[in-house]
Amino acid sequence: DLGPEGSLLVGLKFYCDGPIRRIRPVYRKDSEDVEEPIQYPAGGDVSVSLLARPGYAVGGIRAKFGDIIERLQVVFMRSLGNGWLDPFDTYTSETIGGFDGEPNITIGGDGRAIVGIYGEMNDYILNGIGVLHPLARSFPEQGTLEEKKAWVNAELRRLNPDLTERPTFTCEDGKIVGFVSHQDNGLVDVSPLQILKNLHSFCSGSDRLV
């Protein structure tokens, strides 16, 4: 299911009587929420609604898989208003699903906007779920500083899933000239920084850089 053009996924509604049996995505465009009429599968009443706070959107889904999806949790990220999410400003929903254990697999979660979802059902029980991102974006060479920082942060988070603290950028004359990571570990691959042509200051607490 793909949301309306220009919208972001801001919530999921579920029918759950133990197993998760139905999903209904909720998208937000121009401050208005749009619930898609397509339901997976049709029928049943919504029993759980996991919706983003104002200013946030769905940034990822955490799940525990067995033969079916046993447990599920939504990760919300602050929307930067330009098609990007902030992977360092997040909160999580309650966990749903009538089974033991905690979600241990993250789908999405790197700061790229989510514009749709897809899933797989078996005997009216959800046993697979995925997210749809916009087409891959190159570095916004002509974009604002915030857009450039958002791109770098998203790429760093994608390549370094253990990176949990937001790096700090130093800017001069409209250019990014400095980078500081305050985290002792988690930052291993810094290759996205190569795109910053004016970067001349770098500091990281990690000793495992590549």
Protein backbone atom coordinates (compact mmCIF):
# COMPACT_ATOMS: atom_id res chain seq x y z
CA ASP A 1 0.00 0.00 0.00
CA LEU A 2 1.43 3.37 -1.07
CA GLY A 3 0.18 6.55 0.57
CA PRO A 4 -1.03 9.66 -1.25
CA GLU A 5 1.68 11.59 -3.08
CA GLY A 6 3.57 13.86 -0.69
CA SER A 7 2.35 12.09 2.44
CA LEU A 8 4.18 10.31 5.26
CA LEU A 9 3.17 7.21 7.16
CA VAL A 10 2.20 8.43 10.65
CA GLY A 11 0.50 5.41 12.15
CA LEU A 12 -0.77 1.87 11.94
CA LYS A 13 -4.07 0.47 13.14
CA PHE A 14 -4.36 -3.22 13.97
CA TYR A 15 -6.91 -5.88 14.66
CA CYS A 16 -5.20 -8.17 17.13
CA ASP A 17 -6.81 -11.00 19.10
CA GLY A 18 -3.50 -12.63 19.95
CA PRO A 19 -2.11 -12.95 16.42
CA ILE A 20 -2.06 -9.73 14.37
CA ARG A 21 -4.81 -10.16 11.79
CA ARG A 22 -5.33 -6.80 10.12
CA ILE A 23 -3.36 -3.61 9.38
CA ARG A 24 -4.64 -0.25 8.27
CA PRO A 25 -2.03 2.44 7.48
CA VAL A 26 -2.60 6.10 8.34
CA TYR A 27 -0.83 8.78 6.28
CA ARG A 28 -0.49 12.51 6.92
CA LYS A 29 -0.40 15.17 4.23
CA ASP A 30 -0.63 18.91 4.85
CA SER A 31 -1.51 18.30 8.53
CA GLU A 32 -4.44 16.07 7.63
CA ASP A 33 -4.58 12.34 8.35
CA VAL A 34 -5.70 9.98 5.61
CA GLU A 35 -6.72 6.43 6.47
CA GLU A 36 -6.38 4.07 3.55
CA PRO A 37 -9.56 2.06 2.83
CA ILE A 38 -7.52 -1.04 1.97
CA GLN A 39 -7.34 -3.43 4.90
CA TYR A 40 -5.19 -6.52 5.32
CA PRO A 41 -7.34 -8.61 5.34
CA ALA A 42 -10.82 -7.09 5.13
CA GLY A 43 -13.08 -7.43 8.14
CA GLY A 44 -12.67 -7.14 11.87
CA ASP A 45 -12.55 -4.09 14.10
CA VAL A 46 -9.47 -2.03 14.90
CA SER A 47 -8.37 -2.92 18.40
CA VAL A 48 -5.05 -1.04 18.64
CA SER A 49 -4.07 2.32 17.11
CA LEU A 50 -0.40 3.33 17.11
CA LEU A 51 -0.34 6.95 15.90
CA ALA A 52 2.45 9.52 15.87
CA ARG A 53 2.43 12.62 18.00
CA PRO A 54 2.22 15.94 16.12
CA GLY A 55 5.51 16.60 14.35
CA TYR A 56 6.50 12.91 14.20
CA ALA A 57 6.05 10.09 11.67
CA VAL A 58 6.66 6.37 11.46
CA GLY A 59 10.41 5.85 11.05
CA GLY A 60 10.63 2.10 11.52
CA ILE A 61 8.95 -1.06 12.69
CA ARG A 62 10.42 -3.48 15.20
CA ALA A 63 9.17 -7.05 15.12
CA LYS A 64 9.69 -10.47 16.63
CA PHE A 65 9.30 -13.19 14.03
CA GLY A 66 8.44 -16.85 14.44
CA ASP A 67 6.25 -18.61 11.93
CA ILE A 68 4.21 -15.41 12.16
CA ILE A 69 4.87 -11.92 13.46
CA GLU A 70 4.54 -12.57 17.17
CA ARG A 71 5.26 -9.07 18.53
CA LEU A 72 5.37 -5.64 16.88
CA GLN A 73 6.33 -2.12 17.89
CA VAL A 74 6.44 1.14 15.92
CA VAL A 75 9.40 3.55 16.05
CA PHE A 76 8.40 7.18 15.60
CA MET A 77 10.87 9.85 14.48
CA ARG A 78 10.61 13.62 14.36
CA SER A 79 9.74 14.85 10.89
CA LEU A 80 12.14 17.43 9.50
CA GLY A 81 9.51 18.66 7.08
CA ASN A 82 11.57 18.03 3.96
CA GLY A 83 10.99 14.33 3.35
CA TRP A 84 13.54 13.35 6.00
CA LEU A 85 13.14 12.09 9.53
CA ASP A 86 15.49 12.60 12.47
CA PRO A 87 16.81 9.14 13.52
CA PHE A 88 18.19 10.64 16.74
CA ASP A 89 14.87 12.08 17.98
CA THR A 90 12.66 9.03 18.44
CA TYR A 91 10.23 7.28 20.71
CA THR A 92 8.55 3.87 20.55
CA SER A 93 4.96 2.72 20.78
CA GLU A 94 3.57 0.06 23.02
CA THR A 95 4.29 -3.49 21.89
CA ILE A 96 1.40 -5.52 20.49
CA GLY A 97 0.93 -9.22 19.80
CA GLY A 98 -0.21 -11.96 22.15
CA PHE A 99 3.09 -13.78 22.48
CA ASP A 100 6.14 -13.65 24.76
CA GLY A 101 9.41 -11.90 23.99
CA GLU A 102 10.38 -8.49 22.69
CA PRO A 103 10.82 -7.27 19.09
CA ASN A 104 14.42 -7.78 17.98
CA ILE A 105 14.43 -7.00 14.25
CA THR A 106 14.16 -3.42 12.96
CA ILE A 107 12.68 -2.61 9.56
CA GLY A 108 13.61 0.87 8.35
CA GLY A 109 14.83 3.13 11.13
CA ASP A 110 17.62 5.04 9.36
CA GLY A 111 15.90 8.40 8.91
CA ARG A 112 14.48 7.90 5.44
CA ALA A 113 10.80 8.76 5.19
CA ILE A 114 8.32 5.89 4.92
CA VAL A 115 5.63 6.37 2.29
CA GLY A 116 4.01 2.94 2.23
CA ILE A 117 3.90 -0.55 3.68
CA TYR A 118 3.44 -4.08 2.41
CA GLY A 119 2.79 -7.35 4.13
CA GLU A 120 2.15 -11.05 3.81
CA MET A 121 -0.78 -12.92 5.30
CA ASN A 122 -1.32 -16.62 5.87
CA ASP A 123 -4.68 -17.90 7.12
CA TYR A 124 -5.60 -14.30 8.00
CA ILE A 125 -2.53 -13.90 10.23
CA LEU A 126 0.28 -11.44 9.51
CA ASN A 127 3.56 -13.26 8.91
CA GLY A 128 5.54 -10.62 7.03
CA ILE A 129 5.79 -6.83 6.85
CA GLY A 130 7.97 -4.30 5.06
CA VAL A 131 8.16 -0.57 4.40
CA LEU A 132 8.47 1.53 1.26
CA HIS A 133 10.85 4.47 1.03
CA PRO A 134 10.94 7.21 -1.62
CA LEU A 135 13.34 6.61 -4.48
CA ALA A 136 16.95 6.82 -3.35
CA ARG A 137 18.10 10.41 -3.08
CA SER A 138 21.53 11.66 -3.91
CA PHE A 139 23.23 14.23 -1.72
CA PRO A 140 21.26 17.52 -1.94
CA GLU A 141 24.13 19.60 -3.31
CA GLN A 142 21.88 22.63 -3.78
CA GLY A 143 19.81 21.99 -0.67
CA THR A 144 19.74 23.77 2.67
CA LEU A 145 22.18 22.98 5.46
CA GLU A 146 19.43 21.11 7.30
CA GLU A 147 18.76 18.93 4.25
CA LYS A 148 22.47 18.18 3.89
CA LYS A 149 22.81 17.27 7.56
CA ALA A 150 19.70 15.11 7.35
CA TRP A 151 21.15 13.20 4.37
CA VAL A 152 24.46 12.59 6.16
CA ASN A 153 22.71 11.52 9.37
CA ALA A 154 20.47 9.11 7.49
CA GLU A 155 23.41 7.56 5.67
CA LEU A 156 25.48 7.28 8.86
CA ARG A 157 22.58 5.62 10.66
CA ARG A 158 21.98 3.23 7.75
CA LEU A 159 25.64 2.15 7.75
CA ASN A 160 26.03 2.24 11.55
CA PRO A 161 22.85 0.83 13.13
CA ASP A 162 24.42 1.03 16.62
CA LEU A 163 24.86 4.79 16.33
CA THR A 164 22.31 6.23 18.75
CA GLU A 165 23.59 9.73 19.55
CA ARG A 166 23.19 12.57 17.08
CA PRO A 167 26.52 13.88 15.73
CA THR A 168 27.25 17.59 15.84
CA PHE A 169 28.05 19.63 12.74
CA THR A 170 29.95 22.92 12.66
CA CYS A 171 28.95 25.32 9.89
CA GLU A 172 30.62 28.42 8.50
CA ASP A 173 29.43 30.63 5.64
CA GLY A 174 26.68 28.17 4.77
CA LYS A 175 29.06 25.19 4.59
CA ILE A 176 29.60 22.17 6.83
CA VAL A 177 33.19 22.37 8.04
CA GLY A 178 33.27 20.26 11.20
CA PHE A 179 31.92 16.95 12.53
CA VAL A 180 31.90 15.60 16.07
CA SER A 181 30.57 12.23 17.25
CA HIS A 182 30.09 12.11 21.01
CA GLN A 183 29.49 8.36 21.12
CA ASP A 184 32.32 6.10 22.28
CA ASN A 185 31.27 3.29 19.96
CA GLY A 186 28.75 2.64 17.24
CA LEU A 187 30.33 4.85 14.57
CA VAL A 188 32.42 2.59 12.35
CA ASP A 189 31.75 3.59 8.73
CA VAL A 190 32.13 7.32 8.09
CA SER A 191 32.20 7.12 4.30
CA PRO A 192 29.16 9.47 3.91
CA LEU A 193 31.35 12.31 5.21
CA GLN A 194 33.41 12.14 2.02
CA ILE A 195 30.65 14.06 0.25
CA LEU A 196 31.29 17.11 2.46
CA LYS A 197 33.90 18.93 0.39
CA ASN A 198 34.55 21.63 2.98
CA LEU A 199 34.93 19.36 5.99
CA HIS A 200 38.27 20.00 7.68
CA SER A 201 37.57 19.12 11.30
CA PHE A 202 36.64 15.64 12.52
CA CYS A 203 36.41 14.19 16.02
CA SER A 204 35.03 10.82 17.10
CA GLY A 205 35.14 8.76 20.28
CA SER A 206 35.21 5.50 18.30
CA ASP A 207 38.48 3.68 17.67
CA ARG A 208 37.02 1.36 15.02
CA LEU A 209 36.58 3.72 12.08
CA VAL A 210 36.78 2.55 8.48
